[in-house]
Amino acid sequence: MNQPPPIHSGAQEYVPNNLVWAILSTLFCCLPLGIVSIVYAAKVDGLRAAGDIAGARTASDKAKFWAWWSLGAWAGLVALYLLFVVVLGMAGALGGAN
């Protein structure tokens, strides 16, 4: 006979969902990677509520991972842009001297 699962009256472990970081990285950094981060962040609370703490931790870690990659992609693109501007500026300065 199937017994219903026991009801736990204790508080569940807190697992951060990193949703704020996911949203900020989507808005200000790299949209595609930020969306992946939002998807994982949205899973955290549901998994925690279902009692899957390990799954919630994994989703939380993945949300943070993709938010950081979004920030890194943005920083890399800014660095490439600045390098491009400096190289063109130097070429323009050297070409204009002749």
N, C-alpha and C. Protein backbone atom coordinates (compact mmCIF):
# COMPACT_ATOMS: atom_id res chain seq x y z
N MET A 1 0.84 -1.16 0.00
CA MET A 1 0.00 0.00 0.00
C MET A 1 0.90 1.25 0.00
N ASN A 2 0.49 2.22 -0.78
CA ASN A 2 1.27 3.44 -0.86
C ASN A 2 0.95 4.36 0.30
N GLN A 3 2.00 4.78 0.96
CA GLN A 3 1.86 5.74 2.05
C GLN A 3 2.15 7.13 1.50
N PRO A 4 1.40 8.14 1.93
CA PRO A 4 1.73 9.51 1.48
C PRO A 4 3.07 9.92 2.08
N PRO A 5 3.80 10.77 1.36
CA PRO A 5 5.10 11.22 1.89
C PRO A 5 4.89 12.01 3.17
N PRO A 6 5.85 11.92 4.08
CA PRO A 6 5.72 12.67 5.33
C PRO A 6 5.73 14.17 5.09
N ILE A 7 4.99 14.87 5.88
CA ILE A 7 4.94 16.33 5.78
C ILE A 7 6.04 16.90 6.66
N HIS A 8 6.88 17.73 6.05
CA HIS A 8 7.97 18.35 6.79
C HIS A 8 7.51 19.72 7.26
N SER A 9 7.60 19.94 8.52
CA SER A 9 7.19 21.24 9.05
C SER A 9 8.38 22.19 9.19
N GLY A 10 9.60 21.69 9.02
CA GLY A 10 10.79 22.53 9.16
C GLY A 10 10.99 23.41 7.94
N ALA A 11 11.79 24.43 8.12
CA ALA A 11 12.09 25.35 7.03
C ALA A 11 13.05 24.67 6.05
N GLN A 12 12.85 24.95 4.78
CA GLN A 12 13.74 24.40 3.77
C GLN A 12 14.98 25.27 3.65
N GLU A 13 16.02 24.65 3.14
CA GLU A 13 17.29 25.37 2.95
C GLU A 13 17.10 26.46 1.89
N TYR A 14 17.71 27.61 2.14
CA TYR A 14 17.63 28.72 1.18
C TYR A 14 18.65 28.49 0.07
N VAL A 15 18.20 28.60 -1.15
CA VAL A 15 19.07 28.52 -2.32
C VAL A 15 18.83 29.79 -3.13
N PRO A 16 19.85 30.63 -3.31
CA PRO A 16 19.65 31.87 -4.07
C PRO A 16 19.33 31.56 -5.52
N ASN A 17 18.37 32.30 -6.08
CA ASN A 17 18.00 32.03 -7.47
C ASN A 17 18.80 32.87 -8.47
N ASN A 18 19.51 33.89 -8.02
CA ASN A 18 20.35 34.73 -8.89
C ASN A 18 19.56 35.39 -10.01
N LEU A 19 18.27 35.59 -9.80
CA LEU A 19 17.43 36.17 -10.84
C LEU A 19 17.79 37.62 -11.13
N VAL A 20 18.14 38.37 -10.10
CA VAL A 20 18.52 39.77 -10.32
C VAL A 20 19.74 39.86 -11.21
N TRP A 21 20.76 39.04 -10.93
CA TRP A 21 21.97 39.04 -11.76
C TRP A 21 21.65 38.61 -13.18
N ALA A 22 20.75 37.63 -13.32
CA ALA A 22 20.37 37.15 -14.64
C ALA A 22 19.69 38.26 -15.44
N ILE A 23 18.79 38.98 -14.82
CA ILE A 23 18.08 40.06 -15.50
C ILE A 23 19.03 41.20 -15.86
N LEU A 24 19.89 41.58 -14.92
CA LEU A 24 20.84 42.67 -15.20
C LEU A 24 21.82 42.29 -16.31
N SER A 25 22.28 41.06 -16.29
CA SER A 25 23.21 40.65 -17.35
C SER A 25 22.51 40.59 -18.70
N THR A 26 21.22 40.28 -18.69
CA THR A 26 20.47 40.27 -19.94
C THR A 26 20.28 41.68 -20.47
N LEU A 27 19.94 42.60 -19.60
CA LEU A 27 19.67 43.96 -20.02
C LEU A 27 20.93 44.72 -20.43
N PHE A 28 22.00 44.55 -19.68
CA PHE A 28 23.19 45.39 -19.87
C PHE A 28 24.38 44.70 -20.51
N CYS A 29 24.34 43.39 -20.63
CA CYS A 29 25.52 42.70 -21.15
C CYS A 29 25.21 41.98 -22.46
N CYS A 30 25.00 40.69 -22.39
CA CYS A 30 24.82 39.88 -23.59
C CYS A 30 23.46 39.21 -23.53
N LEU A 31 22.56 39.61 -24.41
CA LEU A 31 21.18 39.15 -24.38
C LEU A 31 21.04 37.62 -24.45
N PRO A 32 21.65 36.92 -25.40
CA PRO A 32 21.43 35.47 -25.48
C PRO A 32 21.90 34.72 -24.23
N LEU A 33 23.07 35.06 -23.73
CA LEU A 33 23.58 34.37 -22.54
C LEU A 33 22.76 34.76 -21.30
N GLY A 34 22.29 35.99 -21.25
CA GLY A 34 21.45 36.42 -20.14
C GLY A 34 20.12 35.69 -20.11
N ILE A 35 19.57 35.40 -21.27
CA ILE A 35 18.31 34.66 -21.32
C ILE A 35 18.49 33.25 -20.78
N VAL A 36 19.60 32.62 -21.11
CA VAL A 36 19.89 31.29 -20.56
C VAL A 36 19.97 31.38 -19.04
N SER A 37 20.59 32.42 -18.54
CA SER A 37 20.71 32.63 -17.10
C SER A 37 19.33 32.80 -16.46
N ILE A 38 18.44 33.55 -17.11
CA ILE A 38 17.09 33.75 -16.58
C ILE A 38 16.32 32.44 -16.54
N VAL A 39 16.47 31.61 -17.56
CA VAL A 39 15.77 30.32 -17.58
C VAL A 39 16.19 29.46 -16.39
N TYR A 40 17.48 29.38 -16.13
CA TYR A 40 17.95 28.59 -14.99
C TYR A 40 17.53 29.22 -13.67
N ALA A 41 17.57 30.55 -13.58
CA ALA A 41 17.18 31.22 -12.34
C ALA A 41 15.69 31.00 -12.04
N ALA A 42 14.88 30.92 -13.08
CA ALA A 42 13.44 30.71 -12.88
C ALA A 42 13.13 29.31 -12.37
N LYS A 43 14.01 28.37 -12.58
CA LYS A 43 13.80 26.99 -12.13
C LYS A 43 14.09 26.79 -10.65
N VAL A 44 14.91 27.65 -10.07
CA VAL A 44 15.43 27.42 -8.72
C VAL A 44 14.33 27.31 -7.69
N ASP A 45 13.43 28.28 -7.62
CA ASP A 45 12.41 28.29 -6.57
C ASP A 45 11.45 27.11 -6.70
N GLY A 46 11.10 26.73 -7.92
CA GLY A 46 10.22 25.58 -8.11
C GLY A 46 10.87 24.29 -7.66
N LEU A 47 12.15 24.13 -7.98
CA LEU A 47 12.85 22.92 -7.55
C LEU A 47 12.99 22.87 -6.04
N ARG A 48 13.28 24.01 -5.44
CA ARG A 48 13.41 24.06 -3.97
C ARG A 48 12.08 23.74 -3.31
N ALA A 49 11.00 24.30 -3.85
CA ALA A 49 9.68 24.05 -3.28
C ALA A 49 9.27 22.59 -3.42
N ALA A 50 9.74 21.93 -4.48
CA ALA A 50 9.44 20.52 -4.69
C ALA A 50 10.32 19.62 -3.82
N GLY A 51 11.26 20.22 -3.12
CA GLY A 51 12.13 19.44 -2.24
C GLY A 51 13.41 18.98 -2.91
N ASP A 52 13.65 19.36 -4.14
CA ASP A 52 14.86 18.98 -4.86
C ASP A 52 15.94 20.04 -4.62
N ILE A 53 16.54 19.97 -3.45
CA ILE A 53 17.55 20.97 -3.07
C ILE A 53 18.78 20.86 -3.96
N ALA A 54 19.19 19.64 -4.28
CA ALA A 54 20.37 19.45 -5.15
C ALA A 54 20.09 20.03 -6.54
N GLY A 55 18.92 19.80 -7.07
CA GLY A 55 18.56 20.36 -8.36
C GLY A 55 18.48 21.87 -8.32
N ALA A 56 17.97 22.41 -7.21
CA ALA A 56 17.89 23.87 -7.05
C ALA A 56 19.28 24.48 -6.99
N ARG A 57 20.20 23.81 -6.28
CA ARG A 57 21.58 24.30 -6.22
C ARG A 57 22.23 24.28 -7.60
N THR A 58 21.99 23.21 -8.34
CA THR A 58 22.56 23.09 -9.68
C THR A 58 22.02 24.20 -10.59
N ALA A 59 20.71 24.42 -10.56
CA ALA A 59 20.11 25.48 -11.37
C ALA A 59 20.63 26.85 -10.95
N SER A 60 20.80 27.06 -9.64
CA SER A 60 21.34 28.32 -9.13
C SER A 60 22.77 28.55 -9.62
N ASP A 61 23.57 27.50 -9.56
CA ASP A 61 24.95 27.60 -10.04
C ASP A 61 25.01 27.88 -11.53
N LYS A 62 24.13 27.24 -12.29
CA LYS A 62 24.11 27.47 -13.74
C LYS A 62 23.63 28.89 -14.06
N ALA A 63 22.67 29.40 -13.30
CA ALA A 63 22.20 30.77 -13.51
C ALA A 63 23.34 31.76 -13.27
N LYS A 64 24.09 31.53 -12.20
CA LYS A 64 25.23 32.41 -11.90
C LYS A 64 26.31 32.28 -12.98
N PHE A 65 26.58 31.05 -13.41
CA PHE A 65 27.58 30.79 -14.44
C PHE A 65 27.26 31.55 -15.71
N TRP A 66 26.02 31.46 -16.19
CA TRP A 66 25.65 32.12 -17.44
C TRP A 66 25.59 33.63 -17.29
N ALA A 67 25.24 34.13 -16.10
CA ALA A 67 25.26 35.58 -15.88
C ALA A 67 26.70 36.10 -15.95
N TRP A 68 27.63 35.36 -15.38
CA TRP A 68 29.04 35.77 -15.44
C TRP A 68 29.57 35.69 -16.87
N TRP A 69 29.18 34.66 -17.61
CA TRP A 69 29.61 34.56 -19.00
C TRP A 69 29.03 35.70 -19.83
N SER A 70 27.82 36.10 -19.51
CA SER A 70 27.22 37.24 -20.20
C SER A 70 28.04 38.50 -19.94
N LEU A 71 28.43 38.71 -18.69
CA LEU A 71 29.28 39.85 -18.35
C LEU A 71 30.62 39.76 -19.06
N GLY A 72 31.21 38.57 -19.10
CA GLY A 72 32.49 38.38 -19.77
C GLY A 72 32.40 38.64 -21.27
N ALA A 73 31.31 38.21 -21.89
CA ALA A 73 31.13 38.45 -23.32
C ALA A 73 31.02 39.95 -23.59
N TRP A 74 30.29 40.65 -22.73
CA TRP A 74 30.17 42.10 -22.88
C TRP A 74 31.53 42.78 -22.73
N ALA A 75 32.28 42.38 -21.71
CA ALA A 75 33.60 42.97 -21.49
C ALA A 75 34.53 42.69 -22.67
N GLY A 76 34.46 41.49 -23.21
CA GLY A 76 35.29 41.16 -24.36
C GLY A 76 34.92 42.00 -25.59
N LEU A 77 33.64 42.18 -25.82
CA LEU A 77 33.22 43.01 -26.95
C LEU A 77 33.61 44.47 -26.77
N VAL A 78 33.53 44.97 -25.56
CA VAL A 78 33.96 46.35 -25.29
C VAL A 78 35.45 46.48 -25.52
N ALA A 79 36.22 45.50 -25.08
CA ALA A 79 37.67 45.54 -25.27
C ALA A 79 38.01 45.50 -26.76
N LEU A 80 37.33 44.66 -27.52
CA LEU A 80 37.58 44.61 -28.96
C LEU A 80 37.20 45.92 -29.64
N TYR A 81 36.10 46.50 -29.22
CA TYR A 81 35.67 47.78 -29.77
C TYR A 81 36.72 48.87 -29.49
N LEU A 82 37.17 48.94 -28.25
CA LEU A 82 38.17 49.95 -27.90
C LEU A 82 39.47 49.73 -28.67
N LEU A 83 39.87 48.48 -28.81
CA LEU A 83 41.07 48.17 -29.58
C LEU A 83 40.89 48.61 -31.04
N PHE A 84 39.73 48.35 -31.60
CA PHE A 84 39.43 48.74 -32.97
C PHE A 84 39.49 50.26 -33.12
N VAL A 85 38.92 50.98 -32.17
CA VAL A 85 38.92 52.45 -32.23
C VAL A 85 40.34 52.98 -32.11
N VAL A 86 41.13 52.41 -31.22
CA VAL A 86 42.51 52.86 -31.05
C VAL A 86 43.32 52.58 -32.31
N VAL A 87 43.16 51.40 -32.90
CA VAL A 87 43.92 51.06 -34.11
C VAL A 87 43.51 51.99 -35.25
N LEU A 88 42.22 52.24 -35.41
CA LEU A 88 41.79 53.16 -36.47
C LEU A 88 42.27 54.58 -36.19
N GLY A 89 42.26 54.97 -34.93
CA GLY A 89 42.75 56.30 -34.57
C GLY A 89 44.23 56.46 -34.86
N MET A 90 44.99 55.42 -34.56
CA MET A 90 46.44 55.46 -34.85
C MET A 90 46.68 55.48 -36.36
N ALA A 91 45.89 54.68 -37.07
CA ALA A 91 46.05 54.66 -38.54
C ALA A 91 45.69 56.01 -39.14
N GLY A 92 44.65 56.61 -38.61
CA GLY A 92 44.24 57.92 -39.09
C GLY A 92 45.28 58.97 -38.76
N ALA A 93 45.86 58.90 -37.57
CA ALA A 93 46.88 59.87 -37.16
C ALA A 93 48.14 59.70 -38.00
N LEU A 94 48.54 58.48 -38.26
CA LEU A 94 49.74 58.25 -39.05
C LEU A 94 49.50 58.56 -40.53
N GLY A 95 48.31 58.26 -41.01
CA GLY A 95 47.99 58.52 -42.41
C GLY A 95 47.83 60.00 -42.68
N GLY A 96 47.35 60.74 -41.70
CA GLY A 96 47.17 62.18 -41.87
C GLY A 96 48.45 62.96 -41.78
N ALA A 97 49.54 62.37 -41.27
CA ALA A 97 50.81 63.06 -41.13
C ALA A 97 51.56 63.15 -42.45
N ASN A 98 51.22 62.29 -43.42
CA ASN A 98 51.92 62.29 -44.71
C ASN A 98 51.49 63.41 -45.58
